[in-house]
Amino acid sequence: MIERIVDFSARNRFVVIALTAVLVILGLWSMKRIPLDAIPDLSDTQVIV
Protein backbone atom coordinates (compact mmCIF):
# COMPACT_ATOMS: atom_id res chain seq x y z
CA MET A 1 0.00 0.00 0.00
CA ILE A 2 2.66 2.53 1.02
CA GLU A 3 4.86 1.38 -1.86
CA ARG A 4 2.07 2.23 -4.32
CA ILE A 5 1.62 5.69 -2.74
CA VAL A 6 5.35 6.41 -2.94
CA ASP A 7 5.47 5.17 -6.54
CA PHE A 8 2.47 7.34 -7.51
CA SER A 9 3.99 10.36 -5.75
CA ALA A 10 7.33 9.90 -7.51
CA ARG A 11 5.68 9.61 -10.94
CA ASN A 12 3.18 12.45 -10.44
CA ARG A 13 5.08 15.18 -8.65
CA PHE A 14 2.90 17.97 -10.02
CA VAL A 15 -0.25 16.34 -8.64
CA VAL A 16 1.33 15.97 -5.20
CA ILE A 17 2.55 19.58 -5.18
CA ALA A 18 -0.85 20.86 -6.37
CA LEU A 19 -2.73 18.88 -3.70
CA THR A 20 -0.33 20.12 -1.03
CA ALA A 21 -0.85 23.73 -2.16
CA VAL A 22 -4.63 23.30 -2.12
CA LEU A 23 -4.53 21.84 1.40
CA VAL A 24 -2.33 24.70 2.65
CA ILE A 25 -4.65 27.30 1.11
CA LEU A 26 -7.73 25.63 2.61
CA GLY A 27 -6.01 25.47 6.00
CA LEU A 28 -5.15 29.17 5.92
CA TRP A 29 -8.69 30.03 4.79
CA SER A 30 -10.24 28.01 7.60
CA MET A 31 -7.92 29.58 10.20
CA LYS A 32 -9.13 33.03 9.16
CA ARG A 33 -12.78 31.97 9.49
CA ILE A 34 -12.48 30.53 13.02
CA PRO A 35 -13.98 32.98 15.52
CA LEU A 36 -11.53 34.00 18.23
CA ASP A 37 -12.77 35.08 21.66
CA ALA A 38 -10.47 37.50 23.44
CA ILE A 39 -11.91 36.41 26.79
CA PRO A 40 -13.39 32.91 26.64
CA ASP A 41 -16.45 32.13 28.77
CA LEU A 42 -15.25 29.65 31.40
CA SER A 43 -18.30 29.80 33.66
CA ASP A 44 -20.44 26.74 34.33
CA THR A 45 -23.46 26.25 32.14
CA GLN A 46 -26.67 26.89 34.08
CA VAL A 47 -30.16 25.85 33.09
CA ILE A 48 -33.16 27.33 34.91
CA VAL A 49 -36.19 25.06 34.96
PDB file of N, CA and C in Angstrom:
ATOM      1  N   MET A   1       0.830  -1.195   0.000  1.00  0.00           N
ATOM      2  CA  MET A   1       0.000   0.000   0.000  1.00  0.00           C
ATOM      3  C   MET A   1       0.873   1.257   0.000  1.00  0.00           C
ATOM      4  N   ILE A   2       1.791   1.342   0.943  1.00  0.00           N
ATOM      5  CA  ILE A   2       2.658   2.527   1.017  1.00  0.00           C
ATOM      6  C   ILE A   2       3.571   2.584  -0.200  1.00  0.00           C
ATOM      7  N   GLU A   3       3.999   1.419  -0.675  1.00  0.00           N
ATOM      8  CA  GLU A   3       4.855   1.383  -1.859  1.00  0.00           C
ATOM      9  C   GLU A   3       4.132   1.966  -3.072  1.00  0.00           C
ATOM     10  N   ARG A   4       2.847   1.688  -3.203  1.00  0.00           N
ATOM     11  CA  ARG A   4       2.068   2.235  -4.315  1.00  0.00           C
ATOM     12  C   ARG A   4       1.924   3.747  -4.190  1.00  0.00           C
ATOM     13  N   ILE A   5       1.745   4.240  -2.958  1.00  0.00           N
ATOM     14  CA  ILE A   5       1.618   5.686  -2.738  1.00  0.00           C
ATOM     15  C   ILE A   5       2.923   6.389  -3.083  1.00  0.00           C
ATOM     16  N   VAL A   6       4.043   5.812  -2.649  1.00  0.00           N
ATOM     17  CA  VAL A   6       5.351   6.406  -2.942  1.00  0.00           C
ATOM     18  C   VAL A   6       5.612   6.380  -4.443  1.00  0.00           C
ATOM     19  N   ASP A   7       5.275   5.280  -5.095  1.00  0.00           N
ATOM     20  CA  ASP A   7       5.473   5.172  -6.541  1.00  0.00           C
ATOM     21  C   ASP A   7       4.622   6.202  -7.287  1.00  0.00           C
ATOM     22  N   PHE A   8       3.356   6.342  -6.887  1.00  0.00           N
ATOM     23  CA  PHE A   8       2.475   7.336  -7.506  1.00  0.00           C
ATOM     24  C   PHE A   8       3.019   8.746  -7.291  1.00  0.00           C
ATOM     25  N   SER A   9       3.482   9.027  -6.073  1.00  0.00           N
ATOM     26  CA  SER A   9       3.993  10.364  -5.753  1.00  0.00           C
ATOM     27  C   SER A   9       5.247  10.682  -6.555  1.00  0.00           C
ATOM     28  N   ALA A  10       6.099   9.678  -6.751  1.00  0.00           N
ATOM     29  CA  ALA A  10       7.328   9.903  -7.512  1.00  0.00           C
ATOM     30  C   ALA A  10       7.028  10.136  -8.991  1.00  0.00           C
ATOM     31  N   ARG A  11       6.022   9.457  -9.521  1.00  0.00           N
ATOM     32  CA  ARG A  11       5.685   9.609 -10.939  1.00  0.00           C
ATOM     33  C   ARG A  11       4.850  10.856 -11.210  1.00  0.00           C
ATOM     34  N   ASN A  12       4.094  11.319 -10.242  1.00  0.00           N
ATOM     35  CA  ASN A  12       3.180  12.451 -10.439  1.00  0.00           C
ATOM     36  C   ASN A  12       3.497  13.572  -9.449  1.00  0.00           C
ATOM     37  N   ARG A  13       4.654  14.144  -9.594  1.00  0.00           N
ATOM     38  CA  ARG A  13       5.083  15.182  -8.649  1.00  0.00           C
ATOM     39  C   ARG A  13       4.184  16.407  -8.703  1.00  0.00           C
ATOM     40  N   PHE A  14       3.745  16.785  -9.899  1.00  0.00           N
ATOM     41  CA  PHE A  14       2.900  17.974 -10.020  1.00  0.00           C
ATOM     42  C   PHE A  14       1.589  17.791  -9.266  1.00  0.00           C
ATOM     43  N   VAL A  15       1.010  16.606  -9.338  1.00  0.00           N
ATOM     44  CA  VAL A  15      -0.253  16.337  -8.640  1.00  0.00           C
ATOM     45  C   VAL A  15      -0.049  16.456  -7.135  1.00  0.00           C
ATOM     46  N   VAL A  16       1.049  15.917  -6.636  1.00  0.00           N
ATOM     47  CA  VAL A  16       1.329  15.973  -5.198  1.00  0.00           C
ATOM     48  C   VAL A  16       1.550  17.414  -4.754  1.00  0.00           C
ATOM     49  N   ILE A  17       2.298  18.180  -5.531  1.00  0.00           N
ATOM     50  CA  ILE A  17       2.554  19.585  -5.181  1.00  0.00           C
ATOM     51  C   ILE A  17       1.257  20.388  -5.240  1.00  0.00           C
ATOM     52  N   ALA A  18       0.419  20.135  -6.248  1.00  0.00           N
ATOM     53  CA  ALA A  18      -0.848  20.860  -6.368  1.00  0.00           C
ATOM     54  C   ALA A  18      -1.776  20.528  -5.207  1.00  0.00           C
ATOM     55  N   LEU A  19      -1.880  19.258  -4.832  1.00  0.00           N
ATOM     56  CA  LEU A  19      -2.728  18.880  -3.700  1.00  0.00           C
ATOM     57  C   LEU A  19      -2.219  19.480  -2.396  1.00  0.00           C
ATOM     58  N   THR A  20      -0.903  19.516  -2.228  1.00  0.00           N
ATOM     59  CA  THR A  20      -0.332  20.125  -1.030  1.00  0.00           C
ATOM     60  C   THR A  20      -0.654  21.615  -0.981  1.00  0.00           C
ATOM     61  N   ALA A  21      -0.536  22.296  -2.109  1.00  0.00           N
ATOM     62  CA  ALA A  21      -0.846  23.726  -2.157  1.00  0.00           C
ATOM     63  C   ALA A  21      -2.318  23.974  -1.846  1.00  0.00           C
ATOM     64  N   VAL A  22      -3.199  23.141  -2.384  1.00  0.00           N
ATOM     65  CA  VAL A  22      -4.632  23.299  -2.117  1.00  0.00           C
ATOM     66  C   VAL A  22      -4.921  23.098  -0.636  1.00  0.00           C
ATOM     67  N   LEU A  23      -4.308  22.089  -0.027  1.00  0.00           N
ATOM     68  CA  LEU A  23      -4.532  21.843   1.400  1.00  0.00           C
ATOM     69  C   LEU A  23      -4.009  22.987   2.261  1.00  0.00           C
ATOM     70  N   VAL A  24      -2.874  23.561   1.894  1.00  0.00           N
ATOM     71  CA  VAL A  24      -2.334  24.695   2.645  1.00  0.00           C
ATOM     72  C   VAL A  24      -3.260  25.902   2.519  1.00  0.00           C
ATOM     73  N   ILE A  25      -3.746  26.169   1.316  1.00  0.00           N
ATOM     74  CA  ILE A  25      -4.651  27.302   1.107  1.00  0.00           C
ATOM     75  C   ILE A  25      -5.948  27.107   1.882  1.00  0.00           C
ATOM     76  N   LEU A  26      -6.504  25.898   1.848  1.00  0.00           N
ATOM     77  CA  LEU A  26      -7.729  25.632   2.609  1.00  0.00           C
ATOM     78  C   LEU A  26      -7.490  25.753   4.113  1.00  0.00           C
ATOM     79  N   GLY A  27      -6.330  25.339   4.581  1.00  0.00           N
ATOM     80  CA  GLY A  27      -6.007  25.474   5.998  1.00  0.00           C
ATOM     81  C   GLY A  27      -5.907  26.931   6.419  1.00  0.00           C
ATOM     82  N   LEU A  28      -5.254  27.746   5.607  1.00  0.00           N
ATOM     83  CA  LEU A  28      -5.154  29.175   5.921  1.00  0.00           C
ATOM     84  C   LEU A  28      -6.524  29.845   5.879  1.00  0.00           C
ATOM     85  N   TRP A  29      -7.337  29.475   4.900  1.00  0.00           N
ATOM     86  CA  TRP A  29      -8.690  30.031   4.789  1.00  0.00           C
ATOM     87  C   TRP A  29      -9.529  29.666   6.004  1.00  0.00           C
ATOM     88  N   SER A  30      -9.436  28.421   6.451  1.00  0.00           N
ATOM     89  CA  SER A  30     -10.241  28.012   7.603  1.00  0.00           C
ATOM     90  C   SER A  30      -9.741  28.658   8.895  1.00  0.00           C
ATOM     91  N   MET A  31      -8.438  28.896   9.007  1.00  0.00           N
ATOM     92  CA  MET A  31      -7.916  29.578  10.195  1.00  0.00           C
ATOM     93  C   MET A  31      -8.449  31.002  10.290  1.00  0.00           C
ATOM     94  N   LYS A  32      -8.608  31.662   9.153  1.00  0.00           N
ATOM     95  CA  LYS A  32      -9.125  33.031   9.165  1.00  0.00           C
ATOM     96  C   LYS A  32     -10.606  33.073   9.508  1.00  0.00           C
ATOM     97  N   ARG A  33     -11.337  32.002   9.247  1.00  0.00           N
ATOM     98  CA  ARG A  33     -12.776  31.975   9.492  1.00  0.00           C
ATOM     99  C   ARG A  33     -13.137  31.527  10.902  1.00  0.00           C
ATOM    100  N   ILE A  34     -12.194  30.991  11.660  1.00  0.00           N
ATOM    101  CA  ILE A  34     -12.481  30.534  13.019  1.00  0.00           C
ATOM    102  C   ILE A  34     -12.661  31.755  13.917  1.00  0.00           C
ATOM    103  N   PRO A  35     -13.796  31.843  14.615  1.00  0.00           N
ATOM    104  CA  PRO A  35     -13.979  32.982  15.522  1.00  0.00           C
ATOM    105  C   PRO A  35     -13.032  32.860  16.720  1.00  0.00           C
ATOM    106  N   LEU A  36     -12.485  33.980  17.128  1.00  0.00           N
ATOM    107  CA  LEU A  36     -11.535  33.997  18.231  1.00  0.00           C
ATOM    108  C   LEU A  36     -12.092  34.885  19.336  1.00  0.00           C
ATOM    109  N   ASP A  37     -12.303  34.307  20.518  1.00  0.00           N
ATOM    110  CA  ASP A  37     -12.769  35.079  21.664  1.00  0.00           C
ATOM    111  C   ASP A  37     -11.560  35.608  22.420  1.00  0.00           C
ATOM    112  N   ALA A  38     -11.563  36.911  22.675  1.00  0.00           N
ATOM    113  CA  ALA A  38     -10.473  37.499  23.436  1.00  0.00           C
ATOM    114  C   ALA A  38     -10.519  37.016  24.881  1.00  0.00           C
ATOM    115  N   ILE A  39     -11.733  36.904  25.422  1.00  0.00           N
ATOM    116  CA  ILE A  39     -11.914  36.406  26.787  1.00  0.00           C
ATOM    117  C   ILE A  39     -12.920  35.253  26.713  1.00  0.00           C
ATOM    118  N   PRO A  40     -12.448  34.031  26.740  1.00  0.00           N
ATOM    119  CA  PRO A  40     -13.386  32.906  26.639  1.00  0.00           C
ATOM    120  C   PRO A  40     -14.273  32.787  27.875  1.00  0.00           C
ATOM    121  N   ASP A  41     -15.493  32.317  27.684  1.00  0.00           N
ATOM    122  CA  ASP A  41     -16.448  32.135  28.775  1.00  0.00           C
ATOM    123  C   ASP A  41     -16.166  30.804  29.462  1.00  0.00           C
ATOM    124  N   LEU A  42     -15.613  30.856  30.669  1.00  0.00           N
ATOM    125  CA  LEU A  42     -15.247  29.650  31.402  1.00  0.00           C
ATOM    126  C   LEU A  42     -16.234  29.316  32.511  1.00  0.00           C
ATOM    127  N   SER A  43     -17.336  30.054  32.589  1.00  0.00           N
ATOM    128  CA  SER A  43     -18.300  29.804  33.658  1.00  0.00           C
ATOM    129  C   SER A  43     -19.075  28.513  33.384  1.00  0.00           C
ATOM    130  N   ASP A  44     -19.645  27.948  34.461  1.00  0.00           N
ATOM    131  CA  ASP A  44     -20.440  26.737  34.330  1.00  0.00           C
ATOM    132  C   ASP A  44     -21.743  27.049  33.608  1.00  0.00           C
ATOM    133  N   THR A  45     -22.187  26.097  32.829  1.00  0.00           N
ATOM    134  CA  THR A  45     -23.463  26.254  32.137  1.00  0.00           C
ATOM    135  C   THR A  45     -24.596  26.048  33.126  1.00  0.00           C
ATOM    136  N   GLN A  46     -25.544  26.976  33.150  1.00  0.00           N
ATOM    137  CA  GLN A  46     -26.669  26.892  34.077  1.00  0.00           C
ATOM    138  C   GLN A  46     -27.967  26.859  33.293  1.00  0.00           C
ATOM    139  N   VAL A  47     -28.846  25.960  33.707  1.00  0.00           N
ATOM    140  CA  VAL A  47     -30.160  25.849  33.090  1.00  0.00           C
ATOM    141  C   VAL A  47     -31.195  26.084  34.169  1.00  0.00           C
ATOM    142  N   ILE A  48     -32.102  27.043  33.946  1.00  0.00           N
ATOM    143  CA  ILE A  48     -33.165  27.333  34.910  1.00  0.00           C
ATOM    144  C   ILE A  48     -34.429  26.640  34.429  1.00  0.00           C
ATOM    145  N   VAL A  49     -34.986  25.816  35.314  1.00  0.00           N
ATOM    146  CA  VAL A  49     -36.195  25.061  34.959  1.00  0.00           C
ATOM    147  C   VAL A  49     -37.375  25.654  35.677  1.00  0.00           C
TER     148      VAL A  49
END
